[in-house]
Amino acid sequence: MRKAISIVLIIASLFTITVTSTGCGNDADYAAPLKLYDAWNAGENVTGKTVEVIANRDYFDELIFNTPSPDLKWSISIYVSGDGADKIKDGDTVIVKITECEELLTNLVFHGTIVD
């Protein structure tokens, strides 16, 4: 009986380690906003894709991220809405699903929602 319990405990431990090390499947399509920009710049349709964002500003009027593009042609902004969006603080890491992309003069604006 002890041997059976030991085997069950070992299998449960291995399962727990495997699940926690592989995550819950919340990997973003793009690892950073600049990767999203590169894909958009290459002509890819990024609507419906996800991006991992480290907020570089506290949530204000839906804006959580802003930076110039590497080629200095655009100012890249990411706006979010939905449940929990108003709790985002500078330095928080969130995954955003892109719902819309707008080109406004020199500002490239991505709109999205938070992915749980």
PDB file of N, CA and C in Angstrom:
ATOM      1  N   MET A   1       0.815  -1.196   0.000  1.00  0.00           N
ATOM      2  CA  MET A   1       0.000   0.000   0.000  1.00  0.00           C
ATOM      3  C   MET A   1       0.864   1.268   0.000  1.00  0.00           C
ATOM      4  N   ARG A   2       1.939   1.224   0.806  1.00  0.00           N
ATOM      5  CA  ARG A   2       2.835   2.391   0.860  1.00  0.00           C
ATOM      6  C   ARG A   2       3.448   2.675  -0.510  1.00  0.00           C
ATOM      7  N   LYS A   3       3.788   1.604  -1.205  1.00  0.00           N
ATOM      8  CA  LYS A   3       4.402   1.765  -2.515  1.00  0.00           C
ATOM      9  C   LYS A   3       3.421   2.417  -3.493  1.00  0.00           C
ATOM     10  N   ALA A   4       2.170   2.053  -3.450  1.00  0.00           N
ATOM     11  CA  ALA A   4       1.154   2.640  -4.329  1.00  0.00           C
ATOM     12  C   ALA A   4       0.959   4.122  -4.012  1.00  0.00           C
ATOM     13  N   ILE A   5       0.906   4.454  -2.736  1.00  0.00           N
ATOM     14  CA  ILE A   5       0.756   5.866  -2.334  1.00  0.00           C
ATOM     15  C   ILE A   5       1.982   6.664  -2.775  1.00  0.00           C
ATOM     16  N   SER A   6       3.163   6.103  -2.628  1.00  0.00           N
ATOM     17  CA  SER A   6       4.393   6.783  -3.052  1.00  0.00           C
ATOM     18  C   SER A   6       4.383   7.051  -4.554  1.00  0.00           C
ATOM     19  N   ILE A   7       3.949   6.078  -5.318  1.00  0.00           N
ATOM     20  CA  ILE A   7       3.895   6.232  -6.776  1.00  0.00           C
ATOM     21  C   ILE A   7       2.900   7.318  -7.152  1.00  0.00           C
ATOM     22  N   VAL A   8       1.732   7.318  -6.503  1.00  0.00           N
ATOM     23  CA  VAL A   8       0.718   8.346  -6.780  1.00  0.00           C
ATOM     24  C   VAL A   8       1.257   9.728  -6.427  1.00  0.00           C
ATOM     25  N   LEU A   9       1.941   9.864  -5.296  1.00  0.00           N
ATOM     26  CA  LEU A   9       2.517  11.156  -4.904  1.00  0.00           C
ATOM     27  C   LEU A   9       3.589  11.614  -5.884  1.00  0.00           C
ATOM     28  N   ILE A  10       4.402  10.704  -6.354  1.00  0.00           N
ATOM     29  CA  ILE A  10       5.451  11.064  -7.322  1.00  0.00           C
ATOM     30  C   ILE A  10       4.816  11.523  -8.631  1.00  0.00           C
ATOM     31  N   ILE A  11       3.812  10.808  -9.110  1.00  0.00           N
ATOM     32  CA  ILE A  11       3.141  11.198 -10.352  1.00  0.00           C
ATOM     33  C   ILE A  11       2.460  12.554 -10.195  1.00  0.00           C
ATOM     34  N   ALA A  12       1.799  12.782  -9.060  1.00  0.00           N
ATOM     35  CA  ALA A  12       1.141  14.074  -8.808  1.00  0.00           C
ATOM     36  C   ALA A  12       2.167  15.201  -8.764  1.00  0.00           C
ATOM     37  N   SER A  13       3.308  14.947  -8.141  1.00  0.00           N
ATOM     38  CA  SER A  13       4.367  15.969  -8.075  1.00  0.00           C
ATOM     39  C   SER A  13       4.908  16.296  -9.456  1.00  0.00           C
ATOM     40  N   LEU A  14       5.153  15.272 -10.264  1.00  0.00           N
ATOM     41  CA  LEU A  14       5.650  15.496 -11.618  1.00  0.00           C
ATOM     42  C   LEU A  14       4.634  16.263 -12.462  1.00  0.00           C
ATOM     43  N   PHE A  15       3.356  15.926 -12.315  1.00  0.00           N
ATOM     44  CA  PHE A  15       2.310  16.632 -13.046  1.00  0.00           C
ATOM     45  C   PHE A  15       2.275  18.102 -12.634  1.00  0.00           C
ATOM     46  N   THR A  16       2.360  18.379 -11.336  1.00  0.00           N
ATOM     47  CA  THR A  16       2.340  19.753 -10.835  1.00  0.00           C
ATOM     48  C   THR A  16       3.535  20.546 -11.355  1.00  0.00           C
ATOM     49  N   ILE A  17       4.695  19.947 -11.331  1.00  0.00           N
ATOM     50  CA  ILE A  17       5.899  20.625 -11.827  1.00  0.00           C
ATOM     51  C   ILE A  17       5.772  20.907 -13.320  1.00  0.00           C
ATOM     52  N   THR A  18       5.267  19.947 -14.075  1.00  0.00           N
ATOM     53  CA  THR A  18       5.108  20.127 -15.521  1.00  0.00           C
ATOM     54  C   THR A  18       4.136  21.251 -15.834  1.00  0.00           C
ATOM     55  N   VAL A  19       2.997  21.282 -15.160  1.00  0.00           N
ATOM     56  CA  VAL A  19       1.990  22.306 -15.421  1.00  0.00           C
ATOM     57  C   VAL A  19       2.507  23.692 -15.059  1.00  0.00           C
ATOM     58  N   THR A  20       3.172  23.834 -13.920  1.00  0.00           N
ATOM     59  CA  THR A  20       3.648  25.158 -13.515  1.00  0.00           C
ATOM     60  C   THR A  20       4.827  25.637 -14.352  1.00  0.00           C
ATOM     61  N   SER A  21       5.642  24.726 -14.856  1.00  0.00           N
ATOM     62  CA  SER A  21       6.790  25.162 -15.652  1.00  0.00           C
ATOM     63  C   SER A  21       6.403  25.515 -17.086  1.00  0.00           C
ATOM     64  N   THR A  22       5.327  24.934 -17.597  1.00  0.00           N
ATOM     65  CA  THR A  22       4.925  25.242 -18.967  1.00  0.00           C
ATOM     66  C   THR A  22       3.914  26.370 -19.022  1.00  0.00           C
ATOM     67  N   GLY A  23       3.395  26.810 -17.917  1.00  0.00           N
ATOM     68  CA  GLY A  23       2.427  27.901 -17.889  1.00  0.00           C
ATOM     69  C   GLY A  23       1.050  27.415 -18.278  1.00  0.00           C
ATOM     70  N   CYS A  24       0.143  28.358 -18.428  1.00  0.00           N
ATOM     71  CA  CYS A  24      -1.248  28.017 -18.715  1.00  0.00           C
ATOM     72  C   CYS A  24      -1.624  28.330 -20.148  1.00  0.00           C
ATOM     73  N   GLY A  25      -0.670  28.502 -21.019  1.00  0.00           N
ATOM     74  CA  GLY A  25      -0.984  28.745 -22.416  1.00  0.00           C
ATOM     75  C   GLY A  25      -1.236  30.206 -22.747  1.00  0.00           C
ATOM     76  N   ASN A  26      -0.779  31.133 -21.904  1.00  0.00           N
ATOM     77  CA  ASN A  26      -1.008  32.550 -22.147  1.00  0.00           C
ATOM     78  C   ASN A  26       0.161  33.202 -22.880  1.00  0.00           C
ATOM     79  N   ASP A  27       0.844  32.448 -23.734  1.00  0.00           N
ATOM     80  CA  ASP A  27       1.936  33.028 -24.495  1.00  0.00           C
ATOM     81  C   ASP A  27       1.373  33.983 -25.541  1.00  0.00           C
ATOM     82  N   ALA A  28       1.991  35.137 -25.630  1.00  0.00           N
ATOM     83  CA  ALA A  28       1.545  36.143 -26.590  1.00  0.00           C
ATOM     84  C   ALA A  28       2.128  35.838 -27.970  1.00  0.00           C
ATOM     85  N   ASP A  29       1.436  36.308 -29.010  1.00  0.00           N
ATOM     86  CA  ASP A  29       1.942  36.166 -30.368  1.00  0.00           C
ATOM     87  C   ASP A  29       3.219  36.974 -30.557  1.00  0.00           C
ATOM     88  N   TYR A  30       3.294  38.121 -29.899  1.00  0.00           N
ATOM     89  CA  TYR A  30       4.476  38.993 -29.974  1.00  0.00           C
ATOM     90  C   TYR A  30       4.992  39.230 -28.562  1.00  0.00           C
ATOM     91  N   ALA A  31       6.284  39.066 -28.372  1.00  0.00           N
ATOM     92  CA  ALA A  31       6.885  39.150 -27.047  1.00  0.00           C
ATOM     93  C   ALA A  31       7.024  40.581 -26.533  1.00  0.00           C
ATOM     94  N   ALA A  32       6.887  41.559 -27.398  1.00  0.00           N
ATOM     95  CA  ALA A  32       7.043  42.955 -26.995  1.00  0.00           C
ATOM     96  C   ALA A  32       6.378  43.863 -28.030  1.00  0.00           C
ATOM     97  N   PRO A  33       6.029  45.092 -27.638  1.00  0.00           N
ATOM     98  CA  PRO A  33       5.409  46.013 -28.583  1.00  0.00           C
ATOM     99  C   PRO A  33       6.243  46.288 -29.833  1.00  0.00           C
ATOM    100  N   LEU A  34       7.558  46.297 -29.707  1.00  0.00           N
ATOM    101  CA  LEU A  34       8.383  46.556 -30.890  1.00  0.00           C
ATOM    102  C   LEU A  34       8.355  45.370 -31.863  1.00  0.00           C
ATOM    103  N   LYS A  35       8.132  44.159 -31.354  1.00  0.00           N
ATOM    104  CA  LYS A  35       7.942  42.996 -32.236  1.00  0.00           C
ATOM    105  C   LYS A  35       6.609  43.139 -32.976  1.00  0.00           C
ATOM    106  N   LEU A  36       5.600  43.646 -32.277  1.00  0.00           N
ATOM    107  CA  LEU A  36       4.307  43.931 -32.909  1.00  0.00           C
ATOM    108  C   LEU A  36       4.487  44.976 -34.004  1.00  0.00           C
ATOM    109  N   TYR A  37       5.246  46.019 -33.716  1.00  0.00           N
ATOM    110  CA  TYR A  37       5.520  47.062 -34.707  1.00  0.00           C
ATOM    111  C   TYR A  37       6.244  46.485 -35.927  1.00  0.00           C
ATOM    112  N   ASP A  38       7.244  45.634 -35.688  1.00  0.00           N
ATOM    113  CA  ASP A  38       7.983  45.022 -36.800  1.00  0.00           C
ATOM    114  C   ASP A  38       7.049  44.227 -37.704  1.00  0.00           C
ATOM    115  N   ALA A  39       6.135  43.467 -37.090  1.00  0.00           N
ATOM    116  CA  ALA A  39       5.186  42.675 -37.878  1.00  0.00           C
ATOM    117  C   ALA A  39       4.260  43.593 -38.669  1.00  0.00           C
ATOM    118  N   TRP A  40       3.744  44.631 -38.018  1.00  0.00           N
ATOM    119  CA  TRP A  40       2.864  45.589 -38.699  1.00  0.00           C
ATOM    120  C   TRP A  40       3.612  46.267 -39.852  1.00  0.00           C
ATOM    121  N   ASN A  41       4.849  46.662 -39.590  1.00  0.00           N
ATOM    122  CA  ASN A  41       5.679  47.345 -40.586  1.00  0.00           C
ATOM    123  C   ASN A  41       5.967  46.433 -41.791  1.00  0.00           C
ATOM    124  N   ALA A  42       6.001  45.111 -41.544  1.00  0.00           N
ATOM    125  CA  ALA A  42       6.245  44.149 -42.622  1.00  0.00           C
ATOM    126  C   ALA A  42       4.966  43.825 -43.393  1.00  0.00           C
ATOM    127  N   GLY A  43       3.850  44.457 -43.015  1.00  0.00           N
ATOM    128  CA  GLY A  43       2.600  44.260 -43.732  1.00  0.00           C
ATOM    129  C   GLY A  43       1.690  43.196 -43.158  1.00  0.00           C
ATOM    130  N   GLU A  44       2.048  42.660 -42.015  1.00  0.00           N
ATOM    131  CA  GLU A  44       1.231  41.619 -41.400  1.00  0.00           C
ATOM    132  C   GLU A  44      -0.022  42.222 -40.778  1.00  0.00           C
ATOM    133  N   ASN A  45      -1.135  41.516 -40.852  1.00  0.00           N
ATOM    134  CA  ASN A  45      -2.368  41.945 -40.190  1.00  0.00           C
ATOM    135  C   ASN A  45      -2.266  41.540 -38.726  1.00  0.00           C
ATOM    136  N   VAL A  46      -2.131  42.507 -37.827  1.00  0.00           N
ATOM    137  CA  VAL A  46      -1.931  42.226 -36.409  1.00  0.00           C
ATOM    138  C   VAL A  46      -3.227  42.244 -35.610  1.00  0.00           C
ATOM    139  N   THR A  47      -4.335  42.592 -36.230  1.00  0.00           N
ATOM    140  CA  THR A  47      -5.619  42.589 -35.538  1.00  0.00           C
ATOM    141  C   THR A  47      -5.964  41.159 -35.135  1.00  0.00           C
ATOM    142  N   GLY A  48      -6.350  40.995 -33.873  1.00  0.00           N
ATOM    143  CA  GLY A  48      -6.661  39.672 -33.345  1.00  0.00           C
ATOM    144  C   GLY A  48      -5.473  38.969 -32.730  1.00  0.00           C
ATOM    145  N   LYS A  49      -4.284  39.506 -32.903  1.00  0.00           N
ATOM    146  CA  LYS A  49      -3.071  38.923 -32.329  1.00  0.00           C
ATOM    147  C   LYS A  49      -2.875  39.463 -30.913  1.00  0.00           C
ATOM    148  N   THR A  50      -2.004  38.807 -30.147  1.00  0.00           N
ATOM    149  CA  THR A  50      -1.727  39.246 -28.778  1.00  0.00           C
ATOM    150  C   THR A  50      -0.280  39.704 -28.656  1.00  0.00           C
ATOM    151  N   VAL A  51      -0.056  40.628 -27.731  1.00  0.00           N
ATOM    152  CA  VAL A  51       1.278  41.161 -27.478  1.00  0.00           C
ATOM    153  C   VAL A  51       1.485  41.280 -25.973  1.00  0.00           C
ATOM    154  N   GLU A  52       2.666  40.930 -25.526  1.00  0.00           N
ATOM    155  CA  GLU A  52       3.010  41.099 -24.119  1.00  0.00           C
ATOM    156  C   GLU A  52       3.570  42.506 -23.940  1.00  0.00           C
ATOM    157  N   VAL A  53       2.974  43.239 -23.013  1.00  0.00           N
ATOM    158  CA  VAL A  53       3.344  44.641 -22.815  1.00  0.00           C
ATOM    159  C   VAL A  53       3.747  44.859 -21.367  1.00  0.00           C
ATOM    160  N   ILE A  54       4.887  45.502 -21.172  1.00  0.00           N
ATOM    161  CA  ILE A  54       5.249  46.002 -19.851  1.00  0.00           C
ATOM    162  C   ILE A  54       4.862  47.471 -19.863  1.00  0.00           C
ATOM    163  N   ALA A  55       3.833  47.790 -19.098  1.00  0.00           N
ATOM    164  CA  ALA A  55       3.311  49.162 -19.100  1.00  0.00           C
ATOM    165  C   ALA A  55       4.422  50.127 -18.710  1.00  0.00           C
ATOM    166  N   ASN A  56       4.576  51.191 -19.498  1.00  0.00           N
ATOM    167  CA  ASN A  56       5.590  52.184 -19.155  1.00  0.00           C
ATOM    168  C   ASN A  56       4.943  53.482 -18.669  1.00  0.00           C
ATOM    169  N   ARG A  57       3.697  53.369 -18.264  1.00  0.00           N
ATOM    170  CA  ARG A  57       2.983  54.487 -17.651  1.00  0.00           C
ATOM    171  C   ARG A  57       1.773  53.924 -16.936  1.00  0.00           C
ATOM    172  N   ASP A  58       1.342  54.604 -15.880  1.00  0.00           N
ATOM    173  CA  ASP A  58       0.116  54.212 -15.198  1.00  0.00           C
ATOM    174  C   ASP A  58      -1.048  54.387 -16.156  1.00  0.00           C
ATOM    175  N   TYR A  59      -2.044  53.551 -16.018  1.00  0.00           N
ATOM    176  CA  TYR A  59      -3.247  53.627 -16.843  1.00  0.00           C
ATOM    177  C   TYR A  59      -3.837  55.030 -16.735  1.00  0.00           C
ATOM    178  N   PHE A  60      -3.973  55.695 -17.863  1.00  0.00           N
ATOM    179  CA  PHE A  60      -4.616  57.010 -17.897  1.00  0.00           C
ATOM    180  C   PHE A  60      -5.281  57.157 -19.254  1.00  0.00           C
ATOM    181  N   ASP A  61      -6.578  57.365 -19.237  1.00  0.00           N
ATOM    182  CA  ASP A  61      -7.342  57.526 -20.477  1.00  0.00           C
ATOM    183  C   ASP A  61      -7.063  56.375 -21.445  1.00  0.00           C
ATOM    184  N   GLU A  62      -6.946  55.161 -20.898  1.00  0.00           N
ATOM    185  CA  GLU A  62      -6.725  53.910 -21.622  1.00  0.00           C
ATOM    186  C   GLU A  62      -5.301  53.704 -22.129  1.00  0.00           C
ATOM    187  N   LEU A  63      -4.410  54.678 -22.041  1.00  0.00           N
ATOM    188  CA  LEU A  63      -3.034  54.543 -22.532  1.00  0.00           C
ATOM    189  C   LEU A  63      -2.159  53.852 -21.486  1.00  0.00           C
ATOM    190  N   ILE A  64      -1.473  52.754 -21.903  1.00  0.00           N
ATOM    191  CA  ILE A  64      -0.560  52.070 -20.982  1.00  0.00           C
ATOM    192  C   ILE A  64       0.871  52.004 -21.515  1.00  0.00           C
ATOM    193  N   PHE A  65       1.061  52.288 -22.803  1.00  0.00           N
ATOM    194  CA  PHE A  65       2.397  52.164 -23.387  1.00  0.00           C
ATOM    195  C   PHE A  65       2.583  53.189 -24.488  1.00  0.00           C
ATOM    196  N   ASN A  66       3.772  53.803 -24.503  1.00  0.00           N
ATOM    197  CA  ASN A  66       4.108  54.755 -25.554  1.00  0.00           C
ATOM    198  C   ASN A  66       5.609  54.791 -25.709  1.00  0.00           C
ATOM    199  N   THR A  67       6.083  54.714 -26.958  1.00  0.00           N
ATOM    200  CA  THR A  67       7.517  54.786 -27.239  1.00  0.00           C
ATOM    201  C   THR A  67       7.714  55.155 -28.704  1.00  0.00           C
ATOM    202  N   PRO A  68       8.835  55.752 -29.050  1.00  0.00           N
ATOM    203  CA  PRO A  68       9.110  55.980 -30.481  1.00  0.00           C
ATOM    204  C   PRO A  68       9.525  54.669 -31.145  1.00  0.00           C
ATOM    205  N   SER A  69       9.225  54.545 -32.431  1.00  0.00           N
ATOM    206  CA  SER A  69       9.655  53.354 -33.174  1.00  0.00           C
ATOM    207  C   SER A  69      11.171  53.416 -33.358  1.00  0.00           C
ATOM    208  N   PRO A  70      11.816  52.274 -33.575  1.00  0.00           N
ATOM    209  CA  PRO A  70      13.273  52.268 -33.759  1.00  0.00           C
ATOM    210  C   PRO A  70      13.743  53.129 -34.929  1.00  0.00           C
ATOM    211  N   ASP A  71      12.923  53.250 -35.974  1.00  0.00           N
ATOM    212  CA  ASP A  71      13.305  54.063 -37.122  1.00  0.00           C
ATOM    213  C   ASP A  71      12.862  55.522 -36.982  1.00  0.00           C
ATOM    214  N   LEU A  72      12.268  55.857 -35.838  1.00  0.00           N
ATOM    215  CA  LEU A  72      11.804  57.208 -35.485  1.00  0.00           C
ATOM    216  C   LEU A  72      10.745  57.772 -36.440  1.00  0.00           C
ATOM    217  N   LYS A  73      10.063  56.891 -37.180  1.00  0.00           N
ATOM    218  CA  LYS A  73       8.989  57.338 -38.065  1.00  0.00           C
ATOM    219  C   LYS A  73       7.668  57.498 -37.324  1.00  0.00           C
ATOM    220  N   TRP A  74       7.489  56.721 -36.277  1.00  0.00           N
ATOM    221  CA  TRP A  74       6.214  56.672 -35.574  1.00  0.00           C
ATOM    222  C   TRP A  74       6.410  56.790 -34.071  1.00  0.00           C
ATOM    223  N   SER A  75       5.370  57.245 -33.423  1.00  0.00           N
ATOM    224  CA  SER A  75       5.244  57.105 -31.975  1.00  0.00           C
ATOM    225  C   SER A  75       4.256  55.960 -31.786  1.00  0.00           C
ATOM    226  N   ILE A  76       4.676  54.901 -31.109  1.00  0.00           N
ATOM    227  CA  ILE A  76       3.838  53.716 -30.938  1.00  0.00           C
ATOM    228  C   ILE A  76       3.101  53.813 -29.612  1.00  0.00           C
ATOM    229  N   SER A  77       1.774  53.726 -29.662  1.00  0.00           N
ATOM    230  CA  SER A  77       0.950  53.797 -28.459  1.00  0.00           C
ATOM    231  C   SER A  77       0.061  52.568 -28.383  1.00  0.00           C
ATOM    232  N   ILE A  78      -0.142  52.077 -27.154  1.00  0.00           N
ATOM    233  CA  ILE A  78      -1.067  50.970 -26.935  1.00  0.00           C
ATOM    234  C   ILE A  78      -2.094  51.415 -25.902  1.00  0.00           C
ATOM    235  N   TYR A  79      -3.350  51.364 -26.317  1.00  0.00           N
ATOM    236  CA  TYR A  79      -4.479  51.704 -25.463  1.00  0.00           C
ATOM    237  C   TYR A  79      -5.252  50.430 -25.162  1.00  0.00           C
ATOM    238  N   VAL A  80      -5.718  50.281 -23.918  1.00  0.00           N
ATOM    239  CA  VAL A  80      -6.493  49.105 -23.541  1.00  0.00           C
ATOM    240  C   VAL A  80      -7.799  49.516 -22.871  1.00  0.00           C
ATOM    241  N   SER A  81      -8.768  48.623 -22.964  1.00  0.00           N
ATOM    242  CA  SER A  81     -10.042  48.839 -22.290  1.00  0.00           C
ATOM    243  C   SER A  81     -10.522  47.494 -21.768  1.00  0.00           C
ATOM    244  N   GLY A  82     -11.574  47.527 -20.981  1.00  0.00           N
ATOM    245  CA  GLY A  82     -12.152  46.289 -20.475  1.00  0.00           C
ATOM    246  C   GLY A  82     -11.879  46.078 -18.998  1.00  0.00           C
ATOM    247  N   ASP A  83     -12.311  44.918 -18.515  1.00  0.00           N
ATOM    248  CA  ASP A  83     -12.169  44.581 -17.101  1.00  0.00           C
ATOM    249  C   ASP A  83     -10.709  44.582 -16.663  1.00  0.00           C
ATOM    250  N   GLY A  84     -10.432  45.251 -15.576  1.00  0.00           N
ATOM    251  CA  GLY A  84      -9.097  45.268 -14.998  1.00  0.00           C
ATOM    252  C   GLY A  84      -8.131  46.233 -15.635  1.00  0.00           C
ATOM    253  N   ALA A  85      -8.479  46.820 -16.755  1.00  0.00           N
ATOM    254  CA  ALA A  85      -7.548  47.717 -17.448  1.00  0.00           C
ATOM    255  C   ALA A  85      -7.213  48.935 -16.602  1.00  0.00           C
ATOM    256  N   ASP A  86      -8.186  49.441 -15.867  1.00  0.00           N
ATOM    257  CA  ASP A  86      -7.956  50.653 -15.085  1.00  0.00           C
ATOM    258  C   ASP A  86      -7.052  50.426 -13.871  1.00  0.00           C
ATOM    259  N   LYS A  87      -6.669  49.194 -13.603  1.00  0.00           N
ATOM    260  CA  LYS A  87      -5.785  48.886 -12.470  1.00  0.00           C
ATOM    261  C   LYS A  87      -4.323  48.757 -12.879  1.00  0.00           C
ATOM    262  N   ILE A  88      -4.017  48.925 -14.160  1.00  0.00           N
ATOM    263  CA  ILE A  88      -2.653  48.759 -14.657  1.00  0.00           C
ATOM    264  C   ILE A  88      -1.773  49.913 -14.169  1.00  0.00           C
ATOM    265  N   LYS A  89      -0.623  49.548 -13.637  1.00  0.00           N
ATOM    266  CA  LYS A  89       0.349  50.527 -13.135  1.00  0.00           C
ATOM    267  C   LYS A  89       1.648  50.393 -13.931  1.00  0.00           C
ATOM    268  N   ASP A  90       2.448  51.421 -13.892  1.00  0.00           N
ATOM    269  CA  ASP A  90       3.757  51.431 -14.539  1.00  0.00           C
ATOM    270  C   ASP A  90       4.558  50.211 -14.075  1.00  0.00           C
ATOM    271  N   GLY A  91       5.059  49.424 -15.009  1.00  0.00           N
ATOM    272  CA  GLY A  91       5.853  48.242 -14.685  1.00  0.00           C
ATOM    273  C   GLY A  91       5.078  46.940 -14.711  1.00  0.00           C
ATOM    274  N   ASP A  92       3.750  46.997 -14.750  1.00  0.00           N
ATOM    275  CA  ASP A  92       2.939  45.781 -14.825  1.00  0.00           C
ATOM    276  C   ASP A  92       3.105  45.122 -16.192  1.00  0.00           C
ATOM    277  N   THR A  93       3.122  43.805 -16.207  1.00  0.00           N
ATOM    278  CA  THR A  93       3.179  43.057 -17.458  1.00  0.00           C
ATOM    279  C   THR A  93       1.793  42.503 -17.755  1.00  0.00           C
ATOM    280  N   VAL A  94       1.279  42.808 -18.929  1.00  0.00           N
ATOM    281  CA  VAL A  94      -0.043  42.344 -19.335  1.00  0.00           C
ATOM    282  C   VAL A  94       0.018  41.826 -20.766  1.00  0.00           C
ATOM    283  N   ILE A  95      -0.925  40.971 -21.100  1.00  0.00           N
ATOM    284  CA  ILE A  95      -1.062  40.510 -22.482  1.00  0.00           C
ATOM    285  C   ILE A  95      -2.292  41.194 -23.057  1.00  0.00           C
ATOM    286  N   VAL A  96      -2.105  41.831 -24.207  1.00  0.00           N
ATOM    287  CA  VAL A  96      -3.160  42.618 -24.842  1.00  0.00           C
ATOM    288  C   VAL A  96      -3.519  41.983 -26.181  1.00  0.00           C
ATOM    289  N   LYS A  97      -4.813  41.803 -26.412  1.00  0.00           N
ATOM    290  CA  LYS A  97      -5.302  41.337 -27.704  1.00  0.00           C
ATOM    291  C   LYS A  97      -5.653  42.564 -28.532  1.00  0.00           C
ATOM    292  N   ILE A  98      -5.007  42.718 -29.678  1.00  0.00           N
ATOM    293  CA  ILE A  98      -5.191  43.894 -30.526  1.00  0.00           C
ATOM    294  C   ILE A  98      -6.546  43.811 -31.239  1.00  0.00           C
ATOM    295  N   THR A  99      -7.339  44.879 -31.084  1.00  0.00           N
ATOM    296  CA  THR A  99      -8.650  44.926 -31.727  1.00  0.00           C
ATOM    297  C   THR A  99      -8.693  45.913 -32.890  1.00  0.00           C
ATOM    298  N   GLU A 100      -7.760  46.865 -32.891  1.00  0.00           N
ATOM    299  CA  GLU A 100      -7.762  47.890 -33.939  1.00  0.00           C
ATOM    300  C   GLU A 100      -6.384  48.541 -34.019  1.00  0.00           C
ATOM    301  N   CYS A 101      -6.035  48.980 -35.213  1.00  0.00           N
ATOM    302  CA  CYS A 101      -4.784  49.702 -35.427  1.00  0.00           C
ATOM    303  C   CYS A 101      -5.090  50.952 -36.234  1.00  0.00           C
ATOM    304  N   GLU A 102      -4.602  52.096 -35.758  1.00  0.00           N
ATOM    305  CA  GLU A 102      -4.844  53.373 -36.441  1.00  0.00           C
ATOM    306  C   GLU A 102      -3.526  54.071 -36.736  1.00  0.00           C
ATOM    307  N   GLU A 103      -3.462  54.695 -37.884  1.00  0.00           N
ATOM    308  CA  GLU A 103      -2.331  55.547 -38.239  1.00  0.00           C
ATOM    309  C   GLU A 103      -2.814  56.993 -38.171  1.00  0.00           C
ATOM    310  N   LEU A 104      -2.253  57.767 -37.250  1.00  0.00           N
ATOM    311  CA  LEU A 104      -2.643  59.163 -37.082  1.00  0.00           C
ATOM    312  C   LEU A 104      -1.399  60.046 -37.238  1.00  0.00           C
ATOM    313  N   LEU A 105      -1.227  60.636 -38.401  1.00  0.00           N
ATOM    314  CA  LEU A 105      -0.051  61.453 -38.719  1.00  0.00           C
ATOM    315  C   LEU A 105       1.223  60.702 -38.388  1.00  0.00           C
ATOM    316  N   THR A 106       1.849  60.987 -37.256  1.00  0.00           N
ATOM    317  CA  THR A 106       3.082  60.298 -36.883  1.00  0.00           C
ATOM    318  C   THR A 106       2.872  59.366 -35.697  1.00  0.00           C
ATOM    319  N   ASN A 107       1.628  59.073 -35.369  1.00  0.00           N
ATOM    320  CA  ASN A 107       1.324  58.225 -34.233  1.00  0.00           C
ATOM    321  C   ASN A 107       0.658  56.941 -34.711  1.00  0.00           C
ATOM    322  N   LEU A 108       1.236  55.813 -34.353  1.00  0.00           N
ATOM    323  CA  LEU A 108       0.670  54.507 -34.654  1.00  0.00           C
ATOM    324  C   LEU A 108       0.004  54.009 -33.372  1.00  0.00           C
ATOM    325  N   VAL A 109      -1.315  53.861 -33.420  1.00  0.00           N
ATOM    326  CA  VAL A 109      -2.087  53.551 -32.220  1.00  0.00           C
ATOM    327  C   VAL A 109      -2.696  52.160 -32.337  1.00  0.00           C
ATOM    328  N   PHE A 110      -2.378  51.324 -31.360  1.00  0.00           N
ATOM    329  CA  PHE A 110      -2.981  49.999 -31.251  1.00  0.00           C
ATOM    330  C   PHE A 110      -3.990  50.041 -30.112  1.00  0.00           C
ATOM    331  N   HIS A 111      -5.204  49.569 -30.371  1.00  0.00           N
ATOM    332  CA  HIS A 111      -6.230  49.452 -29.341  1.00  0.00           C
ATOM    333  C   HIS A 111      -6.414  47.968 -29.053  1.00  0.00           C
ATOM    334  N   GLY A 112      -6.693  47.657 -27.788  1.00  0.00           N
ATOM    335  CA  GLY A 112      -6.884  46.251 -27.459  1.00  0.00           C
ATOM    336  C   GLY A 112      -7.569  46.040 -26.133  1.00  0.00           C
ATOM    337  N   THR A 113      -7.692  44.784 -25.777  1.00  0.00           N
ATOM    338  CA  THR A 113      -8.290  44.386 -24.509  1.00  0.00           C
ATOM    339  C   THR A 113      -7.315  43.497 -23.771  1.00  0.00           C
ATOM    340  N   ILE A 114      -7.441  43.454 -22.445  1.00  0.00           N
ATOM    341  CA  ILE A 114      -6.575  42.641 -21.614  1.00  0.00           C
ATOM    342  C   ILE A 114      -7.001  41.178 -21.742  1.00  0.00           C
ATOM    343  N   VAL A 115      -6.015  40.279 -21.906  1.00  0.00           N
ATOM    344  CA  VAL A 115      -6.255  38.846 -21.936  1.00  0.00           C
ATOM    345  C   VAL A 115      -5.982  38.318 -20.538  1.00  0.00           C
ATOM    346  N   ASP A 116      -6.916  37.530 -20.009  1.00  0.00           N
ATOM    347  CA  ASP A 116      -6.735  36.974 -18.652  1.00  0.00           C
ATOM    348  C   ASP A 116      -5.704  35.886 -18.643  1.00  0.00           C
TER     349      ASP A 116
END
